[in-house]
């Protein structure tokens, strides 16, 4: 159990809040309390050295565990204590009906004398219960990452920035179409981006998605890493992606979901597990063919999902995925 700390000695605290999600009866938002300000790019450069320095700064973090945080929501107040790595999570029920769309939340770090030491402002997205939900991997599904090749992966991470990293061809059009499938522009379909990347990279990922006009959504990332773990970025133990996806599906029991990933690592197996757990909740599964060595195994896994009535698409180019989505009337 994390113990409460005396935090009067702490200065320059930052409350980082990540996009949350939910509905009136189950709202979820999370973040970190860190000492000193998070490194945020003000200007982007193609200079490799500057990009390298910025990346290193993202991993020079000082989490503050055992401190009290307070959520304010429409007259309701909730308190929690940060974990050892500075992480906090709020899950609550709103006393008033919450309409669909993005909503602001305010979270404060509170001292023992109830003095506000730091304040963060975040957002939480509420979809309509009739909308499709989309759970998507990031690396090698949206973002060219070479996740299975450590040397290439680290080269891109160290030398590029959110404005110079590349998306796959037509992935922007594909995701924009999915975002507007059977809904209105004012209230797009919810996207949940699940990745083994660490929370250290949250702002860079958010900038990448904004710069490339990809659907705004909720990022569900991995534990913070420190500077000495930098070369292990993207490495995760166990079934963390599966557990995060299950939490999303359990939050929205009335919605159908579409899963998007690639076969460079474990996405097909993870999605097969989700289909096994929620066979009537998964409408379609899309897997990008990144690793030809895994083609046969991926096709077998997708065939198993198809036997349960799930639409599946194994594709190399997003144009194929778009054509398939139109065929099953997911998009028009």
C-alpha atoms as a PDB file:
ATOM      1  CA  UNK A   1       0.000   0.000   0.000  1.00  0.00           C
ATOM      2  CA  UNK A   2       1.275   3.462  -0.895  1.00  0.00           C
ATOM      3  CA  UNK A   3       1.789   5.661   2.154  1.00  0.00           C
ATOM      4  CA  UNK A   4       0.790   9.296   2.287  1.00  0.00           C
ATOM      5  CA  UNK A   5       3.791  11.607   2.181  1.00  0.00           C
ATOM      6  CA  UNK A   6       4.451  14.996   3.618  1.00  0.00           C
ATOM      7  CA  UNK A   7       4.651  17.081   0.473  1.00  0.00           C
ATOM      8  CA  UNK A   8       5.238  20.552   1.805  1.00  0.00           C
ATOM      9  CA  UNK A   9       8.841  20.154   0.678  1.00  0.00           C
ATOM     10  CA  UNK A  10       7.802  19.522  -2.937  1.00  0.00           C
ATOM     11  CA  UNK A  11       7.852  22.409  -5.346  1.00  0.00           C
ATOM     12  CA  UNK A  12       7.193  22.657  -9.058  1.00  0.00           C
ATOM     13  CA  UNK A  13       4.797  19.730  -9.121  1.00  0.00           C
ATOM     14  CA  UNK A  14       2.945  18.867 -12.330  1.00  0.00           C
ATOM     15  CA  UNK A  15      -0.401  17.102 -12.608  1.00  0.00           C
ATOM     16  CA  UNK A  16      -0.459  15.363 -16.001  1.00  0.00           C
ATOM     17  CA  UNK A  17      -3.939  14.219 -17.027  1.00  0.00           C
ATOM     18  CA  UNK A  18      -4.573  11.848 -19.926  1.00  0.00           C
ATOM     19  CA  UNK A  19      -7.762  11.667 -21.996  1.00  0.00           C
ATOM     20  CA  UNK A  20     -10.424   9.734 -20.103  1.00  0.00           C
ATOM     21  CA  UNK A  21     -13.609   7.984 -21.159  1.00  0.00           C
ATOM     22  CA  UNK A  22     -16.896   6.545 -19.976  1.00  0.00           C
ATOM     23  CA  UNK A  23     -20.570   7.386 -19.552  1.00  0.00           C
ATOM     24  CA  UNK A  24     -22.781   8.891 -16.849  1.00  0.00           C
ATOM     25  CA  UNK A  25     -22.612   5.811 -14.625  1.00  0.00           C
ATOM     26  CA  UNK A  26     -18.933   4.960 -15.114  1.00  0.00           C
ATOM     27  CA  UNK A  27     -16.410   7.741 -15.759  1.00  0.00           C
ATOM     28  CA  UNK A  28     -12.670   7.087 -15.815  1.00  0.00           C
ATOM     29  CA  UNK A  29      -9.687   9.421 -15.947  1.00  0.00           C
ATOM     30  CA  UNK A  30      -6.043   8.909 -14.988  1.00  0.00           C
ATOM     31  CA  UNK A  31      -2.692  10.646 -14.907  1.00  0.00           C
ATOM     32  CA  UNK A  32       0.559  11.214 -13.019  1.00  0.00           C
ATOM     33  CA  UNK A  33       1.938  13.629 -10.461  1.00  0.00           C
ATOM     34  CA  UNK A  34       5.534  14.468 -11.322  1.00  0.00           C
ATOM     35  CA  UNK A  35       8.125  16.743  -9.814  1.00  0.00           C
ATOM     36  CA  UNK A  36       9.066  19.560 -12.217  1.00  0.00           C
ATOM     37  CA  UNK A  37       7.409  20.282 -15.510  1.00  0.00           C
ATOM     38  CA  UNK A  38       7.015  17.588 -18.154  1.00  0.00           C
ATOM     39  CA  UNK A  39       9.260  18.115 -21.195  1.00  0.00           C
ATOM     40  CA  UNK A  40       6.994  19.427 -23.981  1.00  0.00           C
ATOM     41  CA  UNK A  41       8.225  20.461 -27.413  1.00  0.00           C
ATOM     42  CA  UNK A  42       7.564  24.076 -28.329  1.00  0.00           C
ATOM     43  CA  UNK A  43       9.218  23.768 -31.717  1.00  0.00           C
ATOM     44  CA  UNK A  44       9.949  20.791 -33.940  1.00  0.00           C
ATOM     45  CA  UNK A  45      13.268  20.309 -35.645  1.00  0.00           C
ATOM     46  CA  UNK A  46      14.750  17.895 -38.155  1.00  0.00           C
ATOM     47  CA  UNK A  47      18.016  18.079 -36.233  1.00  0.00           C
ATOM     48  CA  UNK A  48      18.788  14.550 -35.060  1.00  0.00           C
ATOM     49  CA  UNK A  49      20.690  15.731 -31.968  1.00  0.00           C
ATOM     50  CA  UNK A  50      17.825  17.954 -30.795  1.00  0.00           C
ATOM     51  CA  UNK A  51      15.341  15.115 -31.269  1.00  0.00           C
ATOM     52  CA  UNK A  52      17.616  12.794 -29.308  1.00  0.00           C
ATOM     53  CA  UNK A  53      17.944  15.284 -26.448  1.00  0.00           C
ATOM     54  CA  UNK A  54      14.185  15.774 -26.272  1.00  0.00           C
ATOM     55  CA  UNK A  55      13.559  12.028 -26.126  1.00  0.00           C
ATOM     56  CA  UNK A  56      16.029  11.600 -23.278  1.00  0.00           C
ATOM     57  CA  UNK A  57      14.323  14.442 -21.381  1.00  0.00           C
ATOM     58  CA  UNK A  58      11.008  12.591 -21.626  1.00  0.00           C
ATOM     59  CA  UNK A  59      12.529   9.774 -19.590  1.00  0.00           C
ATOM     60  CA  UNK A  60      14.143  12.019 -16.978  1.00  0.00           C
ATOM     61  CA  UNK A  61      11.051  12.037 -14.792  1.00  0.00           C
ATOM     62  CA  UNK A  62      10.567  12.212 -11.032  1.00  0.00           C
ATOM     63  CA  UNK A  63       7.268  10.563 -10.108  1.00  0.00           C
ATOM     64  CA  UNK A  64       5.745  11.627  -6.805  1.00  0.00           C
ATOM     65  CA  UNK A  65       3.987   8.772  -5.031  1.00  0.00           C
ATOM     66  CA  UNK A  66       1.900   8.857  -1.880  1.00  0.00           C
ATOM     67  CA  UNK A  67       0.408  12.316  -2.407  1.00  0.00           C
ATOM     68  CA  UNK A  68      -3.240  13.295  -2.445  1.00  0.00           C
ATOM     69  CA  UNK A  69      -5.044  14.287  -5.630  1.00  0.00           C
ATOM     70  CA  UNK A  70      -8.547  15.706  -5.837  1.00  0.00           C
ATOM     71  CA  UNK A  71     -10.980  15.530  -8.753  1.00  0.00           C
ATOM     72  CA  UNK A  72     -13.639  18.200  -9.173  1.00  0.00           C
ATOM     73  CA  UNK A  73     -16.605  17.299 -11.381  1.00  0.00           C
ATOM     74  CA  UNK A  74     -19.873  19.268 -11.561  1.00  0.00           C
ATOM     75  CA  UNK A  75     -19.974  19.937  -7.835  1.00  0.00           C
ATOM     76  CA  UNK A  76     -18.721  16.469  -6.905  1.00  0.00           C
ATOM     77  CA  UNK A  77     -15.324  16.071  -5.234  1.00  0.00           C
ATOM     78  CA  UNK A  78     -13.306  12.851  -5.075  1.00  0.00           C
ATOM     79  CA  UNK A  79      -9.910  12.158  -3.517  1.00  0.00           C
ATOM     80  CA  UNK A  80      -7.240   9.551  -4.239  1.00  0.00           C
ATOM     81  CA  UNK A  81      -3.583   8.869  -3.458  1.00  0.00           C
ATOM     82  CA  UNK A  82      -0.905   8.482  -6.113  1.00  0.00           C
ATOM     83  CA  UNK A  83       0.856   5.145  -6.451  1.00  0.00           C
ATOM     84  CA  UNK A  84       4.616   4.798  -6.036  1.00  0.00           C
ATOM     85  CA  UNK A  85       5.186   5.763  -9.687  1.00  0.00           C
ATOM     86  CA  UNK A  86       3.002   8.882  -9.335  1.00  0.00           C
ATOM     87  CA  UNK A  87       0.066   7.286 -11.163  1.00  0.00           C
ATOM     88  CA  UNK A  88      -3.522   8.020 -10.152  1.00  0.00           C
ATOM     89  CA  UNK A  89      -6.898   6.889 -11.413  1.00  0.00           C
ATOM     90  CA  UNK A  90     -10.409   8.127 -10.704  1.00  0.00           C
ATOM     91  CA  UNK A  91     -13.505   6.080 -11.508  1.00  0.00           C
ATOM     92  CA  UNK A  92     -16.852   7.545 -10.481  1.00  0.00           C
ATOM     93  CA  UNK A  93     -20.530   7.976 -11.251  1.00  0.00           C
ATOM     94  CA  UNK A  94     -21.887  11.377 -12.197  1.00  0.00           C
ATOM     95  CA  UNK A  95     -24.858  12.691 -10.241  1.00  0.00           C
ATOM     96  CA  UNK A  96     -26.034  14.513 -13.363  1.00  0.00           C
ATOM     97  CA  UNK A  97     -26.586  13.130 -16.857  1.00  0.00           C
ATOM     98  CA  UNK A  98     -23.515  13.551 -19.075  1.00  0.00           C
ATOM     99  CA  UNK A  99     -24.205  14.303 -22.721  1.00  0.00           C
ATOM    100  CA  UNK A 100     -22.094  12.800 -25.498  1.00  0.00           C
ATOM    101  CA  UNK A 101     -18.885  14.620 -26.419  1.00  0.00           C
ATOM    102  CA  UNK A 102     -15.703  15.893 -24.779  1.00  0.00           C
ATOM    103  CA  UNK A 103     -15.880  17.293 -21.245  1.00  0.00           C
ATOM    104  CA  UNK A 104     -13.318  19.062 -19.078  1.00  0.00           C
ATOM    105  CA  UNK A 105     -12.066  17.694 -15.753  1.00  0.00           C
ATOM    106  CA  UNK A 106      -9.911  19.428 -13.148  1.00  0.00           C
ATOM    107  CA  UNK A 107      -7.553  17.549 -10.836  1.00  0.00           C
ATOM    108  CA  UNK A 108      -5.502  19.145  -8.065  1.00  0.00           C
ATOM    109  CA  UNK A 109      -2.574  17.946  -6.004  1.00  0.00           C
ATOM    110  CA  UNK A 110      -3.415  18.805  -2.389  1.00  0.00           C
ATOM    111  CA  UNK A 111      -1.054  19.348   0.547  1.00  0.00           C
ATOM    112  CA  UNK A 112      -1.766  18.243   4.100  1.00  0.00           C
ATOM    113  CA  UNK A 113      -3.106  21.696   4.897  1.00  0.00           C
ATOM    114  CA  UNK A 114      -5.525  21.382   1.942  1.00  0.00           C
ATOM    115  CA  UNK A 115      -3.411  23.873   0.031  1.00  0.00           C
ATOM    116  CA  UNK A 116      -3.418  23.379  -3.745  1.00  0.00           C
ATOM    117  CA  UNK A 117       0.133  22.567  -4.841  1.00  0.00           C
ATOM    118  CA  UNK A 118      -0.581  21.992  -8.535  1.00  0.00           C
ATOM    119  CA  UNK A 119      -3.587  21.857 -10.867  1.00  0.00           C
ATOM    120  CA  UNK A 120      -4.120  19.974 -14.101  1.00  0.00           C
ATOM    121  CA  UNK A 121      -6.900  20.223 -16.671  1.00  0.00           C
ATOM    122  CA  UNK A 122      -7.896  17.250 -18.785  1.00  0.00           C
ATOM    123  CA  UNK A 123     -10.671  15.899 -20.980  1.00  0.00           C
ATOM    124  CA  UNK A 124     -12.972  12.913 -20.906  1.00  0.00           C
ATOM    125  CA  UNK A 125     -14.960  11.562 -23.875  1.00  0.00           C
ATOM    126  CA  UNK A 126     -18.518  10.285 -23.656  1.00  0.00           C
ATOM    127  CA  UNK A 127     -19.887   8.451 -26.739  1.00  0.00           C
ATOM    128  CA  UNK A 128     -23.481   7.553 -27.547  1.00  0.00           C
ATOM    129  CA  UNK A 129     -24.287   3.996 -26.445  1.00  0.00           C
ATOM    130  CA  UNK A 130     -25.283   3.138 -30.028  1.00  0.00           C
ATOM    131  CA  UNK A 131     -21.927   4.063 -31.562  1.00  0.00           C
ATOM    132  CA  UNK A 132     -19.203   1.682 -32.653  1.00  0.00           C
ATOM    133  CA  UNK A 133     -16.111   1.648 -30.475  1.00  0.00           C
ATOM    134  CA  UNK A 134     -12.644   1.245 -32.032  1.00  0.00           C
ATOM    135  CA  UNK A 135      -9.666  -0.297 -30.260  1.00  0.00           C
ATOM    136  CA  UNK A 136      -6.452   0.232 -32.198  1.00  0.00           C
ATOM    137  CA  UNK A 137      -2.819  -0.633 -31.763  1.00  0.00           C
ATOM    138  CA  UNK A 138      -0.416   2.197 -32.653  1.00  0.00           C
ATOM    139  CA  UNK A 139       3.040   0.908 -33.605  1.00  0.00           C
ATOM    140  CA  UNK A 140       3.094  -0.695 -37.067  1.00  0.00           C
ATOM    141  CA  UNK A 141      -0.686  -0.334 -37.282  1.00  0.00           C
ATOM    142  CA  UNK A 142      -0.861   3.441 -37.611  1.00  0.00           C
ATOM    143  CA  UNK A 143       2.705   4.602 -37.010  1.00  0.00           C
ATOM    144  CA  UNK A 144       5.632   3.097 -38.947  1.00  0.00           C
ATOM    145  CA  UNK A 145       7.728   1.795 -36.039  1.00  0.00           C
ATOM    146  CA  UNK A 146       9.567  -1.456 -36.904  1.00  0.00           C
ATOM    147  CA  UNK A 147       8.592  -2.784 -33.476  1.00  0.00           C
ATOM    148  CA  UNK A 148       9.997  -6.241 -34.132  1.00  0.00           C
ATOM    149  CA  UNK A 149      13.432  -4.823 -35.030  1.00  0.00           C
ATOM    150  CA  UNK A 150      15.020  -3.182 -31.978  1.00  0.00           C
ATOM    151  CA  UNK A 151      17.711  -1.336 -33.944  1.00  0.00           C
ATOM    152  CA  UNK A 152      15.294   0.194 -36.438  1.00  0.00           C
ATOM    153  CA  UNK A 153      12.733   0.939 -33.719  1.00  0.00           C
ATOM    154  CA  UNK A 154      15.225   2.867 -31.596  1.00  0.00           C
ATOM    155  CA  UNK A 155      16.634   4.702 -34.630  1.00  0.00           C
ATOM    156  CA  UNK A 156      13.188   6.099 -35.489  1.00  0.00           C
ATOM    157  CA  UNK A 157      12.437   6.914 -31.868  1.00  0.00           C
ATOM    158  CA  UNK A 158      15.710   8.751 -31.306  1.00  0.00           C
ATOM    159  CA  UNK A 159      15.965  10.643 -34.590  1.00  0.00           C
ATOM    160  CA  UNK A 160      12.378  11.560 -35.502  1.00  0.00           C
ATOM    161  CA  UNK A 161       9.636  13.672 -33.944  1.00  0.00           C
ATOM    162  CA  UNK A 162       5.806  13.791 -34.199  1.00  0.00           C
ATOM    163  CA  UNK A 163       6.000  15.836 -37.390  1.00  0.00           C
ATOM    164  CA  UNK A 164       8.587  13.662 -39.127  1.00  0.00           C
ATOM    165  CA  UNK A 165       7.327  10.205 -38.112  1.00  0.00           C
ATOM    166  CA  UNK A 166       5.430   8.449 -40.913  1.00  0.00           C
ATOM    167  CA  UNK A 167       1.971   6.930 -41.070  1.00  0.00           C
ATOM    168  CA  UNK A 168       1.085   4.058 -43.359  1.00  0.00           C
ATOM    169  CA  UNK A 169      -0.402   4.932 -46.725  1.00  0.00           C
ATOM    170  CA  UNK A 170      -4.138   5.801 -46.552  1.00  0.00           C
ATOM    171  CA  UNK A 171      -4.329   5.075 -42.814  1.00  0.00           C
ATOM    172  CA  UNK A 172      -5.497   8.644 -42.163  1.00  0.00           C
ATOM    173  CA  UNK A 173      -8.374   8.321 -44.638  1.00  0.00           C
ATOM    174  CA  UNK A 174      -9.266   4.909 -43.231  1.00  0.00           C
ATOM    175  CA  UNK A 175      -9.414   6.110 -39.613  1.00  0.00           C
ATOM    176  CA  UNK A 176     -11.293   9.286 -40.523  1.00  0.00           C
ATOM    177  CA  UNK A 177     -13.947   7.210 -42.277  1.00  0.00           C
ATOM    178  CA  UNK A 178     -14.217   4.864 -39.294  1.00  0.00           C
ATOM    179  CA  UNK A 179     -14.473   7.828 -36.945  1.00  0.00           C
ATOM    180  CA  UNK A 180     -17.581   9.034 -38.798  1.00  0.00           C
ATOM    181  CA  UNK A 181     -19.191   5.611 -39.366  1.00  0.00           C
ATOM    182  CA  UNK A 182     -22.936   5.811 -38.680  1.00  0.00           C
ATOM    183  CA  UNK A 183     -22.572   8.909 -36.518  1.00  0.00           C
ATOM    184  CA  UNK A 184     -22.323  12.683 -36.757  1.00  0.00           C
ATOM    185  CA  UNK A 185     -19.270  14.874 -37.154  1.00  0.00           C
ATOM    186  CA  UNK A 186     -20.054  16.566 -33.837  1.00  0.00           C
ATOM    187  CA  UNK A 187     -19.884  13.281 -31.919  1.00  0.00           C
ATOM    188  CA  UNK A 188     -17.397  10.951 -33.661  1.00  0.00           C
ATOM    189  CA  UNK A 189     -16.964   7.308 -32.737  1.00  0.00           C
ATOM    190  CA  UNK A 190     -14.697   6.689 -29.731  1.00  0.00           C
ATOM    191  CA  UNK A 191     -11.132   5.518 -30.391  1.00  0.00           C
ATOM    192  CA  UNK A 192      -8.968   3.750 -27.832  1.00  0.00           C
ATOM    193  CA  UNK A 193      -5.294   3.574 -28.740  1.00  0.00           C
ATOM    194  CA  UNK A 194      -3.616   0.764 -26.806  1.00  0.00           C
ATOM    195  CA  UNK A 195       0.156   0.495 -26.972  1.00  0.00           C
ATOM    196  CA  UNK A 196       3.171  -0.864 -25.113  1.00  0.00           C
ATOM    197  CA  UNK A 197       4.722   2.597 -25.401  1.00  0.00           C
ATOM    198  CA  UNK A 198       5.190   4.279 -22.036  1.00  0.00           C
ATOM    199  CA  UNK A 199       3.306   7.244 -20.580  1.00  0.00           C
ATOM    200  CA  UNK A 200       6.565   9.177 -21.090  1.00  0.00           C
ATOM    201  CA  UNK A 201       5.624   9.357 -24.793  1.00  0.00           C
ATOM    202  CA  UNK A 202       2.023  10.507 -24.276  1.00  0.00           C
ATOM    203  CA  UNK A 203       2.463  14.124 -25.415  1.00  0.00           C
ATOM    204  CA  UNK A 204       4.503  13.121 -28.467  1.00  0.00           C
ATOM    205  CA  UNK A 205       1.879  10.552 -29.490  1.00  0.00           C
ATOM    206  CA  UNK A 206      -0.926  13.043 -28.926  1.00  0.00           C
ATOM    207  CA  UNK A 207       0.936  15.590 -31.095  1.00  0.00           C
ATOM    208  CA  UNK A 208       1.518  12.965 -33.802  1.00  0.00           C
ATOM    209  CA  UNK A 209      -2.185  12.101 -33.981  1.00  0.00           C
ATOM    210  CA  UNK A 210      -3.200  15.781 -33.997  1.00  0.00           C
ATOM    211  CA  UNK A 211      -0.638  16.737 -36.662  1.00  0.00           C
ATOM    212  CA  UNK A 212      -1.756  13.885 -38.928  1.00  0.00           C
ATOM    213  CA  UNK A 213      -5.483  14.581 -38.390  1.00  0.00           C
ATOM    214  CA  UNK A 214      -6.103  11.139 -36.943  1.00  0.00           C
ATOM    215  CA  UNK A 215      -9.182  10.725 -34.709  1.00  0.00           C
ATOM    216  CA  UNK A 216      -8.801  12.203 -31.254  1.00  0.00           C
ATOM    217  CA  UNK A 217      -9.055   9.429 -28.697  1.00  0.00           C
ATOM    218  CA  UNK A 218      -7.965   7.890 -25.425  1.00  0.00           C
ATOM    219  CA  UNK A 219      -4.421   6.536 -25.119  1.00  0.00           C
ATOM    220  CA  UNK A 220      -3.884   3.516 -22.890  1.00  0.00           C
ATOM    221  CA  UNK A 221      -0.134   3.176 -22.457  1.00  0.00           C
ATOM    222  CA  UNK A 222       2.441   1.369 -20.344  1.00  0.00           C
ATOM    223  CA  UNK A 223       4.080   2.265 -17.017  1.00  0.00           C
ATOM    224  CA  UNK A 224       6.471   5.204 -16.861  1.00  0.00           C
ATOM    225  CA  UNK A 225      10.107   4.327 -17.438  1.00  0.00           C
ATOM    226  CA  UNK A 226      13.154   6.138 -16.093  1.00  0.00           C
ATOM    227  CA  UNK A 227      16.194   7.301 -18.073  1.00  0.00           C
ATOM    228  CA  UNK A 228      18.168   4.088 -17.438  1.00  0.00           C
ATOM    229  CA  UNK A 229      15.330   2.075 -19.021  1.00  0.00           C
ATOM    230  CA  UNK A 230      15.228   4.161 -22.188  1.00  0.00           C
ATOM    231  CA  UNK A 231      16.623   1.422 -24.435  1.00  0.00           C
ATOM    232  CA  UNK A 232      13.853  -0.908 -23.235  1.00  0.00           C
ATOM    233  CA  UNK A 233      11.081   1.403 -24.387  1.00  0.00           C
ATOM    234  CA  UNK A 234       8.103  -0.476 -25.785  1.00  0.00           C
ATOM    235  CA  UNK A 235       8.934  -3.643 -23.868  1.00  0.00           C
ATOM    236  CA  UNK A 236       6.042  -4.890 -21.741  1.00  0.00           C
ATOM    237  CA  UNK A 237       5.504  -7.915 -19.567  1.00  0.00           C
ATOM    238  CA  UNK A 238       2.464 -10.148 -19.538  1.00  0.00           C
ATOM    239  CA  UNK A 239      -0.940  -9.410 -21.011  1.00  0.00           C
ATOM    240  CA  UNK A 240      -1.133  -5.668 -20.300  1.00  0.00           C
ATOM    241  CA  UNK A 241      -2.704  -4.797 -23.671  1.00  0.00           C
ATOM    242  CA  UNK A 242      -5.342  -7.476 -23.225  1.00  0.00           C
ATOM    243  CA  UNK A 243      -6.253  -6.242 -19.738  1.00  0.00           C
ATOM    244  CA  UNK A 244      -6.592  -2.640 -20.927  1.00  0.00           C
ATOM    245  CA  UNK A 245      -8.852  -3.696 -23.805  1.00  0.00           C
ATOM    246  CA  UNK A 246     -11.013  -5.750 -21.434  1.00  0.00           C
ATOM    247  CA  UNK A 247     -11.472  -2.698 -19.189  1.00  0.00           C
ATOM    248  CA  UNK A 248     -12.707  -0.692 -22.174  1.00  0.00           C
ATOM    249  CA  UNK A 249     -15.157  -3.394 -23.278  1.00  0.00           C
ATOM    250  CA  UNK A 250     -16.480  -3.784 -19.732  1.00  0.00           C
ATOM    251  CA  UNK A 251     -17.054  -0.022 -19.484  1.00  0.00           C
ATOM    252  CA  UNK A 252     -19.260  -0.020 -22.580  1.00  0.00           C
ATOM    253  CA  UNK A 253     -21.373  -3.211 -22.383  1.00  0.00           C
ATOM    254  CA  UNK A 254     -23.921  -1.989 -24.935  1.00  0.00           C
ATOM    255  CA  UNK A 255     -21.509  -1.185 -27.760  1.00  0.00           C
ATOM    256  CA  UNK A 256     -20.068  -3.153 -30.655  1.00  0.00           C
ATOM    257  CA  UNK A 257     -16.312  -2.875 -31.144  1.00  0.00           C
ATOM    258  CA  UNK A 258     -13.899  -3.021 -34.054  1.00  0.00           C
ATOM    259  CA  UNK A 259     -10.297  -4.085 -33.379  1.00  0.00           C
ATOM    260  CA  UNK A 260      -7.337  -2.880 -35.474  1.00  0.00           C
ATOM    261  CA  UNK A 261      -3.771  -4.164 -35.231  1.00  0.00           C
ATOM    262  CA  UNK A 262      -0.889  -5.848 -37.040  1.00  0.00           C
ATOM    263  CA  UNK A 263       0.914  -9.184 -37.012  1.00  0.00           C
ATOM    264  CA  UNK A 264       4.404  -7.948 -36.108  1.00  0.00           C
ATOM    265  CA  UNK A 265       3.924  -8.994 -32.487  1.00  0.00           C
ATOM    266  CA  UNK A 266       0.935 -10.274 -30.473  1.00  0.00           C
ATOM    267  CA  UNK A 267      -2.144  -8.414 -31.735  1.00  0.00           C
ATOM    268  CA  UNK A 268      -3.802 -11.393 -33.500  1.00  0.00           C
ATOM    269  CA  UNK A 269      -3.613 -13.554 -30.384  1.00  0.00           C
ATOM    270  CA  UNK A 270      -4.792 -10.733 -28.101  1.00  0.00           C
ATOM    271  CA  UNK A 271      -7.745 -10.001 -30.359  1.00  0.00           C
ATOM    272  CA  UNK A 272      -8.595 -13.697 -30.595  1.00  0.00           C
ATOM    273  CA  UNK A 273      -8.789 -13.732 -26.784  1.00  0.00           C
ATOM    274  CA  UNK A 274     -11.155 -10.743 -26.860  1.00  0.00           C
ATOM    275  CA  UNK A 275     -13.361 -12.460 -29.436  1.00  0.00           C
ATOM    276  CA  UNK A 276     -13.419 -15.559 -27.237  1.00  0.00           C
ATOM    277  CA  UNK A 277     -14.487 -13.480 -24.227  1.00  0.00           C
ATOM    278  CA  UNK A 278     -16.940 -11.231 -26.097  1.00  0.00           C
ATOM    279  CA  UNK A 279     -17.993 -13.111 -29.276  1.00  0.00           C
ATOM    280  CA  UNK A 280     -21.145 -11.010 -29.740  1.00  0.00           C
ATOM    281  CA  UNK A 281     -19.444  -7.690 -28.942  1.00  0.00           C
ATOM    282  CA  UNK A 282     -16.698  -7.737 -31.593  1.00  0.00           C
ATOM    283  CA  UNK A 283     -18.060  -6.691 -34.974  1.00  0.00           C
ATOM    284  CA  UNK A 284     -14.831  -6.823 -37.004  1.00  0.00           C
ATOM    285  CA  UNK A 285     -11.071  -7.366 -36.704  1.00  0.00           C
ATOM    286  CA  UNK A 286      -8.505  -5.775 -39.014  1.00  0.00           C
ATOM    287  CA  UNK A 287      -4.894  -6.999 -39.056  1.00  0.00           C
ATOM    288  CA  UNK A 288      -2.138  -5.379 -41.112  1.00  0.00           C
ATOM    289  CA  UNK A 289       0.324  -7.845 -42.653  1.00  0.00           C
ATOM    290  CA  UNK A 290       3.692  -6.544 -41.446  1.00  0.00           C
ATOM    291  CA  UNK A 291       5.587  -9.790 -40.921  1.00  0.00           C
ATOM    292  CA  UNK A 292       5.337 -12.294 -43.783  1.00  0.00           C
ATOM    293  CA  UNK A 293       6.750 -15.005 -41.504  1.00  0.00           C
ATOM    294  CA  UNK A 294       3.551 -14.762 -39.460  1.00  0.00           C
ATOM    295  CA  UNK A 295       1.143 -14.835 -42.416  1.00  0.00           C
ATOM    296  CA  UNK A 296      -0.005 -18.440 -42.067  1.00  0.00           C
ATOM    297  CA  UNK A 297      -0.448 -18.259 -38.305  1.00  0.00           C
ATOM    298  CA  UNK A 298      -2.336 -14.948 -38.599  1.00  0.00           C
ATOM    299  CA  UNK A 299      -4.672 -16.357 -41.245  1.00  0.00           C
ATOM    300  CA  UNK A 300      -5.437 -19.349 -39.010  1.00  0.00           C
ATOM    301  CA  UNK A 301      -6.228 -17.091 -36.047  1.00  0.00           C
ATOM    302  CA  UNK A 302      -8.489 -14.883 -38.167  1.00  0.00           C
ATOM    303  CA  UNK A 303     -10.265 -17.934 -39.563  1.00  0.00           C
ATOM    304  CA  UNK A 304     -11.076 -18.961 -35.986  1.00  0.00           C
ATOM    305  CA  UNK A 305     -12.612 -15.541 -35.349  1.00  0.00           C
ATOM    306  CA  UNK A 306     -14.566 -15.736 -38.595  1.00  0.00           C
ATOM    307  CA  UNK A 307     -16.037 -19.067 -37.507  1.00  0.00           C
ATOM    308  CA  UNK A 308     -17.570 -17.215 -34.552  1.00  0.00           C
ATOM    309  CA  UNK A 309     -19.263 -14.729 -36.876  1.00  0.00           C
ATOM    310  CA  UNK A 310     -16.737 -11.897 -36.630  1.00  0.00           C
ATOM    311  CA  UNK A 311     -15.872 -10.011 -39.819  1.00  0.00           C
ATOM    312  CA  UNK A 312     -12.115 -10.220 -40.454  1.00  0.00           C
ATOM    313  CA  UNK A 313      -9.715  -8.532 -42.852  1.00  0.00           C
ATOM    314  CA  UNK A 314      -6.035  -9.375 -43.328  1.00  0.00           C
ATOM    315  CA  UNK A 315      -4.548  -6.567 -45.409  1.00  0.00           C
ATOM    316  CA  UNK A 316      -1.306  -5.024 -46.603  1.00  0.00           C
ATOM    317  CA  UNK A 317      -2.674  -1.658 -47.772  1.00  0.00           C
ATOM    318  CA  UNK A 318      -5.341   0.458 -46.110  1.00  0.00           C
ATOM    319  CA  UNK A 319      -7.260   0.653 -49.390  1.00  0.00           C
ATOM    320  CA  UNK A 320      -8.039  -3.049 -48.873  1.00  0.00           C
ATOM    321  CA  UNK A 321      -9.308  -2.352 -45.364  1.00  0.00           C
ATOM    322  CA  UNK A 322     -11.466   0.520 -46.618  1.00  0.00           C
ATOM    323  CA  UNK A 323     -12.984  -1.683 -49.339  1.00  0.00           C
ATOM    324  CA  UNK A 324     -13.728  -4.398 -46.783  1.00  0.00           C
ATOM    325  CA  UNK A 325     -15.341  -1.876 -44.377  1.00  0.00           C
ATOM    326  CA  UNK A 326     -17.624  -0.723 -47.187  1.00  0.00           C
ATOM    327  CA  UNK A 327     -18.467  -4.321 -48.100  1.00  0.00           C
ATOM    328  CA  UNK A 328     -19.688  -5.100 -44.566  1.00  0.00           C
ATOM    329  CA  UNK A 329     -21.403  -1.663 -44.412  1.00  0.00           C
ATOM    330  CA  UNK A 330     -19.218  -0.458 -41.558  1.00  0.00           C
ATOM    331  CA  UNK A 331     -18.602   2.706 -43.592  1.00  0.00           C
ATOM    332  CA  UNK A 332     -20.481   4.112 -46.566  1.00  0.00           C
END
